[in-house]
Amino acid sequence: MVDDRTDTMMTKAGFVALIGAPNAGKSTLMNAMVGQKVSIVTPKVQTTRSRVRGIAMHNDTQIIFVDTPGIFKPKRRLDRAMVQAAWQGAEDGDVLLLLHDCARRAVDDDTASILANLAASGRRASLVLNKIDLAPQERLLERAAELSEQYEFERVFMVSAETGNGIGDLKSWLAAQMPDSPYLFDPDDLSDMPLRLLAAETLREKLFLNLHQELPYQLTVETDHWNERDDGSAEVHLSIYVAREGHRGIILGKGGQTMRRVGTAARKELEMSLDRRIHLFAHVKYRKDWMNDSARYSIWDLDYNA
């Protein structure tokens, strides 16, 4: 809902697009800026599949962060759609931030490719060296200089999205870059993510955290029904789709133990986020080749033909 309380004060509002290689910390940074978790976070790369917007306030300025999928060399249809969505998100921002994991011992190929694309496009961007709490002090200036040789950044920031170090200075600078504008969302909103998608993404995060190797990338989660109950609680029915019949048993676990653990974790997080009782029901289903089903892509706002 757009806020209209702008007749007595000057306000600013704009978009900040976050791009970077997989696992650079984009979702963690956005959550830190917003002050609450609005995008799922796991240690596994390529967790974010679609663009997620988080809404942060700084005095009379509204900053809408666009968290994009990690940019990497795509191998599958879903990979190509995710990378295209990330570059489209970069075009949507008033400010573009490139996040880099400076805990890495060397600049990864994905980041080098992103820098080459930025240089070729002429798009202005600032560099955010993330995870400074995990990198030796001497590496920070060396890495900033190394990356700046490949692309001329507007500004360079050093932060730890996990601990909050440097977040305040970055947020203040971003607020100053936003254009004069009425608020684009209600100042009390934290995200524009629909509840049905929030439920599906929360469950998918817990599956990522509890499953190993490639299995998380072979599944998707969809909300079938979201029913409001008279007592103020909500009943949510979700389907977990897997690409191989044998994966159903792995997700369920012995006697259904894994699924119960994952479902309970997702329910508790939703209840904490929404401050209400949630009744969560999840079922594991086999859907062959779901990654090539165009209907799935529209749910994530991805281009099936990318």
C-alpha atoms as a PDB file:
ATOM      1  CA  MET A   1       0.000   0.000   0.000  1.00  0.00           C
ATOM      2  CA  VAL A   2       1.413   3.395  -1.015  1.00  0.00           C
ATOM      3  CA  ASP A   3       1.708   5.976   1.740  1.00  0.00           C
ATOM      4  CA  ASP A   4       0.246   9.420   1.117  1.00  0.00           C
ATOM      5  CA  ARG A   5       1.509  11.243   4.211  1.00  0.00           C
ATOM      6  CA  THR A   6       3.826  13.465   2.169  1.00  0.00           C
ATOM      7  CA  ASP A   7       1.958  16.778   2.102  1.00  0.00           C
ATOM      8  CA  THR A   8       3.639  18.158   5.242  1.00  0.00           C
ATOM      9  CA  MET A   9       7.178  16.818   4.806  1.00  0.00           C
ATOM     10  CA  MET A  10       9.731  16.192   2.116  1.00  0.00           C
ATOM     11  CA  THR A  11      10.363  12.509   1.585  1.00  0.00           C
ATOM     12  CA  LYS A  12      12.711  10.452  -0.540  1.00  0.00           C
ATOM     13  CA  ALA A  13      12.336   6.944  -1.923  1.00  0.00           C
ATOM     14  CA  GLY A  14      14.226   4.757  -4.343  1.00  0.00           C
ATOM     15  CA  PHE A  15      15.613   1.355  -5.193  1.00  0.00           C
ATOM     16  CA  VAL A  16      18.963  -0.248  -4.398  1.00  0.00           C
ATOM     17  CA  ALA A  17      19.822  -3.344  -6.442  1.00  0.00           C
ATOM     18  CA  LEU A  18      22.144  -5.931  -4.912  1.00  0.00           C
ATOM     19  CA  ILE A  19      24.173  -8.113  -7.263  1.00  0.00           C
ATOM     20  CA  GLY A  20      27.097 -10.449  -6.779  1.00  0.00           C
ATOM     21  CA  ALA A  21      28.367 -13.983  -7.098  1.00  0.00           C
ATOM     22  CA  PRO A  22      26.444 -16.735  -5.285  1.00  0.00           C
ATOM     23  CA  ASN A  23      26.860 -16.680  -1.499  1.00  0.00           C
ATOM     24  CA  ALA A  24      28.314 -13.151  -1.407  1.00  0.00           C
ATOM     25  CA  GLY A  25      25.853 -12.263   1.355  1.00  0.00           C
ATOM     26  CA  LYS A  26      23.229 -10.236  -0.531  1.00  0.00           C
ATOM     27  CA  SER A  27      20.252 -11.665   1.360  1.00  0.00           C
ATOM     28  CA  THR A  28      22.000 -11.265   4.716  1.00  0.00           C
ATOM     29  CA  LEU A  29      22.822  -7.637   3.895  1.00  0.00           C
ATOM     30  CA  MET A  30      19.248  -6.852   2.899  1.00  0.00           C
ATOM     31  CA  ASN A  31      17.895  -8.463   6.060  1.00  0.00           C
ATOM     32  CA  ALA A  32      20.342  -6.379   8.123  1.00  0.00           C
ATOM     33  CA  MET A  33      19.261  -3.183   6.375  1.00  0.00           C
ATOM     34  CA  VAL A  34      15.571  -3.912   6.850  1.00  0.00           C
ATOM     35  CA  GLY A  35      16.111  -4.967  10.454  1.00  0.00           C
ATOM     36  CA  GLN A  36      14.197  -8.214  10.067  1.00  0.00           C
ATOM     37  CA  LYS A  37      14.491 -11.349   7.967  1.00  0.00           C
ATOM     38  CA  VAL A  38      12.702 -10.882   4.642  1.00  0.00           C
ATOM     39  CA  SER A  39      14.864 -13.056   2.385  1.00  0.00           C
ATOM     40  CA  ILE A  40      15.895 -16.645   3.054  1.00  0.00           C
ATOM     41  CA  VAL A  41      19.540 -17.316   3.889  1.00  0.00           C
ATOM     42  CA  THR A  42      21.486 -20.589   3.780  1.00  0.00           C
ATOM     43  CA  PRO A  43      25.183 -21.475   3.507  1.00  0.00           C
ATOM     44  CA  LYS A  44      24.481 -23.076   0.123  1.00  0.00           C
ATOM     45  CA  VAL A  45      25.024 -21.078  -3.057  1.00  0.00           C
ATOM     46  CA  GLN A  46      22.177 -20.102  -5.400  1.00  0.00           C
ATOM     47  CA  THR A  47      19.584 -20.079  -2.614  1.00  0.00           C
ATOM     48  CA  THR A  48      17.727 -17.014  -3.924  1.00  0.00           C
ATOM     49  CA  ARG A  49      15.760 -17.877  -7.062  1.00  0.00           C
ATOM     50  CA  SER A  50      13.764 -14.713  -7.694  1.00  0.00           C
ATOM     51  CA  ARG A  51      14.016 -11.016  -6.987  1.00  0.00           C
ATOM     52  CA  VAL A  52      12.976 -10.198  -3.424  1.00  0.00           C
ATOM     53  CA  ARG A  53      12.309  -6.655  -2.242  1.00  0.00           C
ATOM     54  CA  GLY A  54      12.980  -5.510   1.299  1.00  0.00           C
ATOM     55  CA  ILE A  55      11.835  -2.090   2.541  1.00  0.00           C
ATOM     56  CA  ALA A  56      13.978  -0.060   4.938  1.00  0.00           C
ATOM     57  CA  MET A  57      13.376   3.372   6.461  1.00  0.00           C
ATOM     58  CA  HIS A  58      16.089   5.894   7.324  1.00  0.00           C
ATOM     59  CA  ASN A  59      14.639   9.092   8.783  1.00  0.00           C
ATOM     60  CA  ASP A  60      12.338  10.431   6.014  1.00  0.00           C
ATOM     61  CA  THR A  61      13.856   8.209   3.325  1.00  0.00           C
ATOM     62  CA  GLN A  62      12.507   4.888   2.111  1.00  0.00           C
ATOM     63  CA  ILE A  63      15.087   2.509   0.628  1.00  0.00           C
ATOM     64  CA  ILE A  64      13.746  -0.474  -1.300  1.00  0.00           C
ATOM     65  CA  PHE A  65      16.413  -3.168  -1.600  1.00  0.00           C
ATOM     66  CA  VAL A  66      16.174  -5.611  -4.496  1.00  0.00           C
ATOM     67  CA  ASP A  67      17.878  -8.898  -3.605  1.00  0.00           C
ATOM     68  CA  THR A  68      18.715 -10.767  -6.805  1.00  0.00           C
ATOM     69  CA  PRO A  69      19.859 -14.331  -7.501  1.00  0.00           C
ATOM     70  CA  GLY A  70      23.606 -14.866  -7.541  1.00  0.00           C
ATOM     71  CA  ILE A  71      25.234 -14.337 -10.922  1.00  0.00           C
ATOM     72  CA  PHE A  72      27.187 -17.347 -12.157  1.00  0.00           C
ATOM     73  CA  LYS A  73      27.825 -19.297 -15.358  1.00  0.00           C
ATOM     74  CA  PRO A  74      24.455 -20.933 -16.061  1.00  0.00           C
ATOM     75  CA  LYS A  75      24.181 -24.588 -17.015  1.00  0.00           C
ATOM     76  CA  ARG A  76      20.415 -25.258 -16.929  1.00  0.00           C
ATOM     77  CA  ARG A  77      17.240 -23.445 -17.940  1.00  0.00           C
ATOM     78  CA  LEU A  78      16.566 -22.426 -14.343  1.00  0.00           C
ATOM     79  CA  ASP A  79      20.136 -21.136 -14.019  1.00  0.00           C
ATOM     80  CA  ARG A  80      19.737 -18.968 -17.128  1.00  0.00           C
ATOM     81  CA  ALA A  81      16.453 -17.545 -15.883  1.00  0.00           C
ATOM     82  CA  MET A  82      17.959 -16.709 -12.479  1.00  0.00           C
ATOM     83  CA  VAL A  83      20.976 -14.940 -13.982  1.00  0.00           C
ATOM     84  CA  GLN A  84      18.771 -12.955 -16.352  1.00  0.00           C
ATOM     85  CA  ALA A  85      16.573 -11.899 -13.421  1.00  0.00           C
ATOM     86  CA  ALA A  86      19.657 -10.712 -11.542  1.00  0.00           C
ATOM     87  CA  TRP A  87      20.808  -8.489 -14.400  1.00  0.00           C
ATOM     88  CA  GLN A  88      17.285  -7.141 -14.869  1.00  0.00           C
ATOM     89  CA  GLY A  89      17.211  -6.309 -11.165  1.00  0.00           C
ATOM     90  CA  ALA A  90      20.467  -4.403 -11.612  1.00  0.00           C
ATOM     91  CA  GLU A  91      18.787  -2.197 -14.204  1.00  0.00           C
ATOM     92  CA  ASP A  92      15.911  -1.379 -11.849  1.00  0.00           C
ATOM     93  CA  GLY A  93      17.995   0.271  -9.132  1.00  0.00           C
ATOM     94  CA  ASP A  94      18.675   3.955  -8.524  1.00  0.00           C
ATOM     95  CA  VAL A  95      21.852   2.659  -6.904  1.00  0.00           C
ATOM     96  CA  LEU A  96      23.663  -0.562  -7.785  1.00  0.00           C
ATOM     97  CA  LEU A  97      25.772  -2.375  -5.190  1.00  0.00           C
ATOM     98  CA  LEU A  98      28.159  -5.185  -6.088  1.00  0.00           C
ATOM     99  CA  LEU A  99      28.752  -7.437  -3.085  1.00  0.00           C
ATOM    100  CA  HIS A 100      31.952  -9.421  -2.850  1.00  0.00           C
ATOM    101  CA  ASP A 101      32.904 -12.012  -0.259  1.00  0.00           C
ATOM    102  CA  CYS A 102      36.323 -10.775   0.838  1.00  0.00           C
ATOM    103  CA  ALA A 103      36.818 -13.882   2.969  1.00  0.00           C
ATOM    104  CA  ARG A 104      37.689 -15.639  -0.287  1.00  0.00           C
ATOM    105  CA  ARG A 105      41.411 -16.055  -0.814  1.00  0.00           C
ATOM    106  CA  ALA A 106      41.139 -14.822  -4.407  1.00  0.00           C
ATOM    107  CA  VAL A 107      38.684 -13.077  -6.688  1.00  0.00           C
ATOM    108  CA  ASP A 108      36.344 -15.748  -8.065  1.00  0.00           C
ATOM    109  CA  ASP A 109      35.552 -16.147 -11.757  1.00  0.00           C
ATOM    110  CA  ASP A 110      31.908 -15.143 -11.266  1.00  0.00           C
ATOM    111  CA  THR A 111      32.883 -11.780  -9.753  1.00  0.00           C
ATOM    112  CA  ALA A 112      35.428 -11.170 -12.514  1.00  0.00           C
ATOM    113  CA  SER A 113      32.743 -11.840 -15.113  1.00  0.00           C
ATOM    114  CA  ILE A 114      30.327  -9.454 -13.375  1.00  0.00           C
ATOM    115  CA  LEU A 115      32.968  -6.719 -13.381  1.00  0.00           C
ATOM    116  CA  ALA A 116      33.601  -7.228 -17.093  1.00  0.00           C
ATOM    117  CA  ASN A 117      29.882  -6.933 -17.826  1.00  0.00           C
ATOM    118  CA  LEU A 118      29.573  -3.791 -15.708  1.00  0.00           C
ATOM    119  CA  ALA A 119      32.524  -2.204 -17.461  1.00  0.00           C
ATOM    120  CA  ALA A 120      31.088  -3.025 -20.886  1.00  0.00           C
ATOM    121  CA  SER A 121      27.640  -1.667 -19.984  1.00  0.00           C
ATOM    122  CA  GLY A 122      28.850   1.615 -18.520  1.00  0.00           C
ATOM    123  CA  ARG A 123      26.540   1.132 -15.541  1.00  0.00           C
ATOM    124  CA  ARG A 124      27.652   2.906 -12.373  1.00  0.00           C
ATOM    125  CA  ALA A 125      28.059   0.764  -9.265  1.00  0.00           C
ATOM    126  CA  SER A 126      29.585   0.813  -5.795  1.00  0.00           C
ATOM    127  CA  LEU A 127      31.527  -2.020  -4.204  1.00  0.00           C
ATOM    128  CA  VAL A 128      30.615  -3.606  -0.879  1.00  0.00           C
ATOM    129  CA  LEU A 129      33.315  -5.851   0.536  1.00  0.00           C
ATOM    130  CA  ASN A 130      31.336  -8.175   2.791  1.00  0.00           C
ATOM    131  CA  LYS A 131      32.380 -10.606   5.536  1.00  0.00           C
ATOM    132  CA  ILE A 132      35.219  -8.369   6.738  1.00  0.00           C
ATOM    133  CA  ASP A 133      34.986 -10.166  10.084  1.00  0.00           C
ATOM    134  CA  LEU A 134      36.269 -13.316   8.367  1.00  0.00           C
ATOM    135  CA  ALA A 135      39.149 -11.772   6.389  1.00  0.00           C
ATOM    136  CA  PRO A 136      42.642 -10.695   7.468  1.00  0.00           C
ATOM    137  CA  GLN A 137      42.902  -6.909   7.806  1.00  0.00           C
ATOM    138  CA  GLU A 138      45.624  -6.598   5.180  1.00  0.00           C
ATOM    139  CA  ARG A 139      43.461  -8.362   2.597  1.00  0.00           C
ATOM    140  CA  LEU A 140      40.729  -5.695   2.651  1.00  0.00           C
ATOM    141  CA  LEU A 141      42.699  -2.855   1.047  1.00  0.00           C
ATOM    142  CA  GLU A 142      44.454  -5.270  -1.302  1.00  0.00           C
ATOM    143  CA  ARG A 143      41.130  -6.708  -2.494  1.00  0.00           C
ATOM    144  CA  ALA A 144      39.557  -3.270  -2.895  1.00  0.00           C
ATOM    145  CA  ALA A 145      42.518  -2.167  -5.012  1.00  0.00           C
ATOM    146  CA  GLU A 146      42.462  -5.363  -7.079  1.00  0.00           C
ATOM    147  CA  LEU A 147      38.764  -5.057  -7.906  1.00  0.00           C
ATOM    148  CA  SER A 148      39.038  -1.321  -8.550  1.00  0.00           C
ATOM    149  CA  GLU A 149      41.650  -2.010 -11.228  1.00  0.00           C
ATOM    150  CA  GLN A 150      39.003  -3.906 -13.182  1.00  0.00           C
ATOM    151  CA  TYR A 151      36.188  -1.381 -12.711  1.00  0.00           C
ATOM    152  CA  GLU A 152      35.936   2.198 -11.464  1.00  0.00           C
ATOM    153  CA  PHE A 153      33.523   2.112  -8.524  1.00  0.00           C
ATOM    154  CA  GLU A 154      31.653   5.165  -7.254  1.00  0.00           C
ATOM    155  CA  ARG A 155      32.365   4.213  -3.653  1.00  0.00           C
ATOM    156  CA  VAL A 156      33.886   1.298  -1.753  1.00  0.00           C
ATOM    157  CA  PHE A 157      32.380   0.087   1.523  1.00  0.00           C
ATOM    158  CA  MET A 158      33.616  -2.565   3.937  1.00  0.00           C
ATOM    159  CA  VAL A 159      30.966  -4.299   6.008  1.00  0.00           C
ATOM    160  CA  SER A 160      29.969  -7.419   7.828  1.00  0.00           C
ATOM    161  CA  ALA A 161      26.317  -8.075   7.100  1.00  0.00           C
ATOM    162  CA  GLU A 162      26.388 -10.822   9.720  1.00  0.00           C
ATOM    163  CA  THR A 163      27.657  -8.681  12.624  1.00  0.00           C
ATOM    164  CA  GLY A 164      26.348  -5.301  11.447  1.00  0.00           C
ATOM    165  CA  ASN A 165      29.789  -3.700  11.262  1.00  0.00           C
ATOM    166  CA  GLY A 166      29.712  -0.855   8.700  1.00  0.00           C
ATOM    167  CA  ILE A 167      25.996  -1.254   7.965  1.00  0.00           C
ATOM    168  CA  GLY A 168      25.020   2.114   9.460  1.00  0.00           C
ATOM    169  CA  ASP A 169      27.424   4.134   7.302  1.00  0.00           C
ATOM    170  CA  LEU A 170      26.348   2.288   4.148  1.00  0.00           C
ATOM    171  CA  LYS A 171      22.661   2.833   4.914  1.00  0.00           C
ATOM    172  CA  SER A 172      23.176   6.556   5.561  1.00  0.00           C
ATOM    173  CA  TRP A 173      25.016   6.944   2.252  1.00  0.00           C
ATOM    174  CA  LEU A 174      22.317   5.048   0.366  1.00  0.00           C
ATOM    175  CA  ALA A 175      19.607   7.234   1.906  1.00  0.00           C
ATOM    176  CA  ALA A 176      21.416  10.334   0.655  1.00  0.00           C
ATOM    177  CA  GLN A 177      21.417   8.904  -2.909  1.00  0.00           C
ATOM    178  CA  MET A 178      17.666   8.340  -3.055  1.00  0.00           C
ATOM    179  CA  PRO A 179      15.611  10.753  -5.196  1.00  0.00           C
ATOM    180  CA  ASP A 180      12.900  13.048  -3.841  1.00  0.00           C
ATOM    181  CA  SER A 181       9.697  11.012  -3.972  1.00  0.00           C
ATOM    182  CA  PRO A 182       6.598  10.085  -2.009  1.00  0.00           C
ATOM    183  CA  TYR A 183       6.950   6.776  -0.203  1.00  0.00           C
ATOM    184  CA  LEU A 184       6.440   3.906  -2.626  1.00  0.00           C
ATOM    185  CA  PHE A 185       5.254   1.510   0.089  1.00  0.00           C
ATOM    186  CA  ASP A 186       3.659   1.880   3.495  1.00  0.00           C
ATOM    187  CA  PRO A 187       6.509   2.805   5.913  1.00  0.00           C
ATOM    188  CA  ASP A 188       5.406  -0.046   8.188  1.00  0.00           C
ATOM    189  CA  ASP A 189       5.894  -2.676   5.458  1.00  0.00           C
ATOM    190  CA  LEU A 190       9.103  -4.704   5.454  1.00  0.00           C
ATOM    191  CA  SER A 191       8.645  -6.498   2.136  1.00  0.00           C
ATOM    192  CA  ASP A 192       6.274  -6.779  -0.801  1.00  0.00           C
ATOM    193  CA  MET A 193       6.435 -10.585  -0.752  1.00  0.00           C
ATOM    194  CA  PRO A 194       2.952 -12.188  -0.747  1.00  0.00           C
ATOM    195  CA  LEU A 195       2.203 -14.415   2.241  1.00  0.00           C
ATOM    196  CA  ARG A 196       1.808 -17.497   0.028  1.00  0.00           C
ATOM    197  CA  LEU A 197       5.324 -16.998  -1.374  1.00  0.00           C
ATOM    198  CA  LEU A 198       6.727 -16.210   2.077  1.00  0.00           C
ATOM    199  CA  ALA A 199       5.420 -19.534   3.377  1.00  0.00           C
ATOM    200  CA  ALA A 200       6.871 -21.464   0.439  1.00  0.00           C
ATOM    201  CA  GLU A 201      10.248 -19.736   0.680  1.00  0.00           C
ATOM    202  CA  THR A 202      10.469 -20.282   4.432  1.00  0.00           C
ATOM    203  CA  LEU A 203       9.886 -24.004   4.033  1.00  0.00           C
ATOM    204  CA  ARG A 204      12.363 -24.152   1.146  1.00  0.00           C
ATOM    205  CA  GLU A 205      15.006 -22.504   3.332  1.00  0.00           C
ATOM    206  CA  LYS A 206      14.554 -25.133   6.046  1.00  0.00           C
ATOM    207  CA  LEU A 207      14.838 -27.879   3.431  1.00  0.00           C
ATOM    208  CA  PHE A 208      18.098 -26.344   2.187  1.00  0.00           C
ATOM    209  CA  LEU A 209      19.463 -26.299   5.721  1.00  0.00           C
ATOM    210  CA  ASN A 210      18.512 -29.913   6.430  1.00  0.00           C
ATOM    211  CA  LEU A 211      19.348 -31.598   3.123  1.00  0.00           C
ATOM    212  CA  HIS A 212      22.756 -32.135   1.614  1.00  0.00           C
ATOM    213  CA  GLN A 213      24.639 -31.963  -1.668  1.00  0.00           C
ATOM    214  CA  GLU A 214      22.530 -31.394  -4.785  1.00  0.00           C
ATOM    215  CA  LEU A 215      19.121 -32.464  -3.484  1.00  0.00           C
ATOM    216  CA  PRO A 216      17.938 -28.942  -2.484  1.00  0.00           C
ATOM    217  CA  TYR A 217      18.439 -27.757  -6.069  1.00  0.00           C
ATOM    218  CA  GLN A 218      16.209 -30.586  -7.320  1.00  0.00           C
ATOM    219  CA  LEU A 219      13.135 -29.435  -5.403  1.00  0.00           C
ATOM    220  CA  THR A 220      10.679 -26.562  -5.297  1.00  0.00           C
ATOM    221  CA  VAL A 221       7.963 -25.551  -2.865  1.00  0.00           C
ATOM    222  CA  GLU A 222       4.560 -24.081  -3.665  1.00  0.00           C
ATOM    223  CA  THR A 223       1.699 -22.927  -1.461  1.00  0.00           C
ATOM    224  CA  ASP A 224      -1.527 -24.674  -2.451  1.00  0.00           C
ATOM    225  CA  HIS A 225      -3.869 -22.983   0.021  1.00  0.00           C
ATOM    226  CA  TRP A 226      -3.709 -20.178   2.594  1.00  0.00           C
ATOM    227  CA  ASN A 227      -6.870 -20.212   4.682  1.00  0.00           C
ATOM    228  CA  GLU A 228      -7.679 -17.637   7.365  1.00  0.00           C
ATOM    229  CA  ARG A 229      -9.319 -19.149  10.460  1.00  0.00           C
ATOM    230  CA  ASP A 230     -11.896 -17.440  12.639  1.00  0.00           C
ATOM    231  CA  ASP A 231      -9.543 -17.481  15.639  1.00  0.00           C
ATOM    232  CA  GLY A 232      -6.980 -15.302  13.808  1.00  0.00           C
ATOM    233  CA  SER A 233      -4.648 -18.149  12.918  1.00  0.00           C
ATOM    234  CA  ALA A 234      -3.884 -19.314   9.380  1.00  0.00           C
ATOM    235  CA  GLU A 235      -3.911 -22.795   7.846  1.00  0.00           C
ATOM    236  CA  VAL A 236      -1.244 -23.226   5.186  1.00  0.00           C
ATOM    237  CA  HIS A 237      -0.964 -26.181   2.823  1.00  0.00           C
ATOM    238  CA  LEU A 238       2.269 -26.555   0.831  1.00  0.00           C
ATOM    239  CA  SER A 239       3.579 -29.009  -1.738  1.00  0.00           C
ATOM    240  CA  ILE A 240       7.234 -29.959  -2.061  1.00  0.00           C
ATOM    241  CA  TYR A 241       7.943 -31.103  -5.611  1.00  0.00           C
ATOM    242  CA  VAL A 242      10.935 -33.305  -6.386  1.00  0.00           C
ATOM    243  CA  ALA A 243      12.332 -34.302  -9.766  1.00  0.00           C
ATOM    244  CA  ARG A 244      13.032 -37.931  -8.813  1.00  0.00           C
ATOM    245  CA  GLU A 245      10.751 -40.416  -7.104  1.00  0.00           C
ATOM    246  CA  GLY A 246      13.621 -41.578  -4.873  1.00  0.00           C
ATOM    247  CA  HIS A 247      13.975 -38.094  -3.375  1.00  0.00           C
ATOM    248  CA  ARG A 248      10.610 -38.325  -1.631  1.00  0.00           C
ATOM    249  CA  GLY A 249      11.928 -40.787   0.915  1.00  0.00           C
ATOM    250  CA  ILE A 250      15.019 -38.696   1.630  1.00  0.00           C
ATOM    251  CA  ILE A 251      12.931 -35.614   2.406  1.00  0.00           C
ATOM    252  CA  LEU A 252      10.455 -37.566   4.531  1.00  0.00           C
ATOM    253  CA  GLY A 253      13.197 -39.342   6.476  1.00  0.00           C
ATOM    254  CA  LYS A 254      12.780 -42.450   8.601  1.00  0.00           C
ATOM    255  CA  GLY A 255       9.231 -42.525   9.880  1.00  0.00           C
ATOM    256  CA  GLY A 256       8.726 -38.991   8.522  1.00  0.00           C
ATOM    257  CA  GLN A 257      11.189 -37.540  11.059  1.00  0.00           C
ATOM    258  CA  THR A 258      13.030 -35.229   8.659  1.00  0.00           C
ATOM    259  CA  MET A 259       9.824 -33.756   7.291  1.00  0.00           C
ATOM    260  CA  ARG A 260       8.444 -33.177  10.795  1.00  0.00           C
ATOM    261  CA  ARG A 261      11.645 -31.417  11.856  1.00  0.00           C
ATOM    262  CA  VAL A 262      11.684 -29.224   8.753  1.00  0.00           C
ATOM    263  CA  GLY A 263       7.976 -28.437   8.969  1.00  0.00           C
ATOM    264  CA  THR A 264       8.202 -27.483  12.632  1.00  0.00           C
ATOM    265  CA  ALA A 265      11.137 -25.141  11.959  1.00  0.00           C
ATOM    266  CA  ALA A 266       9.258 -23.456   9.107  1.00  0.00           C
ATOM    267  CA  ARG A 267       6.086 -23.092  11.175  1.00  0.00           C
ATOM    268  CA  LYS A 268       7.916 -21.532  14.115  1.00  0.00           C
ATOM    269  CA  GLU A 269       9.677 -19.020  11.892  1.00  0.00           C
ATOM    270  CA  LEU A 270       6.442 -18.026  10.164  1.00  0.00           C
ATOM    271  CA  GLU A 271       4.737 -17.591  13.528  1.00  0.00           C
ATOM    272  CA  MET A 272       7.579 -15.379  14.719  1.00  0.00           C
ATOM    273  CA  SER A 273       7.595 -13.303  11.529  1.00  0.00           C
ATOM    274  CA  LEU A 274       3.836 -12.851  11.342  1.00  0.00           C
ATOM    275  CA  ASP A 275       3.128 -12.798  15.097  1.00  0.00           C
ATOM    276  CA  ARG A 276       0.242 -15.237  14.747  1.00  0.00           C
ATOM    277  CA  ARG A 277      -0.497 -18.956  15.012  1.00  0.00           C
ATOM    278  CA  ILE A 278       0.230 -20.970  11.872  1.00  0.00           C
ATOM    279  CA  HIS A 279      -1.036 -24.489  11.090  1.00  0.00           C
ATOM    280  CA  LEU A 280       1.358 -25.824   8.455  1.00  0.00           C
ATOM    281  CA  PHE A 281       0.739 -28.922   6.363  1.00  0.00           C
ATOM    282  CA  ALA A 282       3.345 -30.077   3.819  1.00  0.00           C
ATOM    283  CA  HIS A 283       3.295 -32.946   1.343  1.00  0.00           C
ATOM    284  CA  VAL A 284       6.132 -34.280  -0.817  1.00  0.00           C
ATOM    285  CA  LYS A 285       5.177 -34.960  -4.427  1.00  0.00           C
ATOM    286  CA  TYR A 286       6.991 -36.281  -7.470  1.00  0.00           C
ATOM    287  CA  ARG A 287       6.802 -34.085 -10.558  1.00  0.00           C
ATOM    288  CA  LYS A 288       9.136 -35.211 -13.312  1.00  0.00           C
ATOM    289  CA  ASP A 289      11.196 -32.465 -14.951  1.00  0.00           C
ATOM    290  CA  TRP A 290       9.552 -29.621 -13.000  1.00  0.00           C
ATOM    291  CA  MET A 291      12.518 -27.401 -13.874  1.00  0.00           C
ATOM    292  CA  ASN A 292      11.257 -27.293 -17.451  1.00  0.00           C
ATOM    293  CA  ASP A 293       7.659 -26.497 -16.478  1.00  0.00           C
ATOM    294  CA  SER A 294       6.895 -22.907 -17.544  1.00  0.00           C
ATOM    295  CA  ALA A 295       4.212 -22.503 -14.848  1.00  0.00           C
ATOM    296  CA  ARG A 296       6.871 -22.734 -12.126  1.00  0.00           C
ATOM    297  CA  TYR A 297       8.813 -19.818 -13.590  1.00  0.00           C
ATOM    298  CA  SER A 298       5.886 -17.405 -13.522  1.00  0.00           C
ATOM    299  CA  ILE A 299       5.534 -17.994  -9.758  1.00  0.00           C
ATOM    300  CA  TRP A 300       9.107 -16.772  -9.256  1.00  0.00           C
ATOM    301  CA  ASP A 301       8.754 -13.960 -11.820  1.00  0.00           C
ATOM    302  CA  LEU A 302      11.394 -15.610 -13.993  1.00  0.00           C
ATOM    303  CA  ASP A 303      11.512 -15.751 -17.798  1.00  0.00           C
ATOM    304  CA  TYR A 304      11.053 -19.356 -18.927  1.00  0.00           C
ATOM    305  CA  ASN A 305      12.637 -18.507 -22.298  1.00  0.00           C
ATOM    306  CA  ALA A 306      15.749 -16.824 -20.917  1.00  0.00           C
END
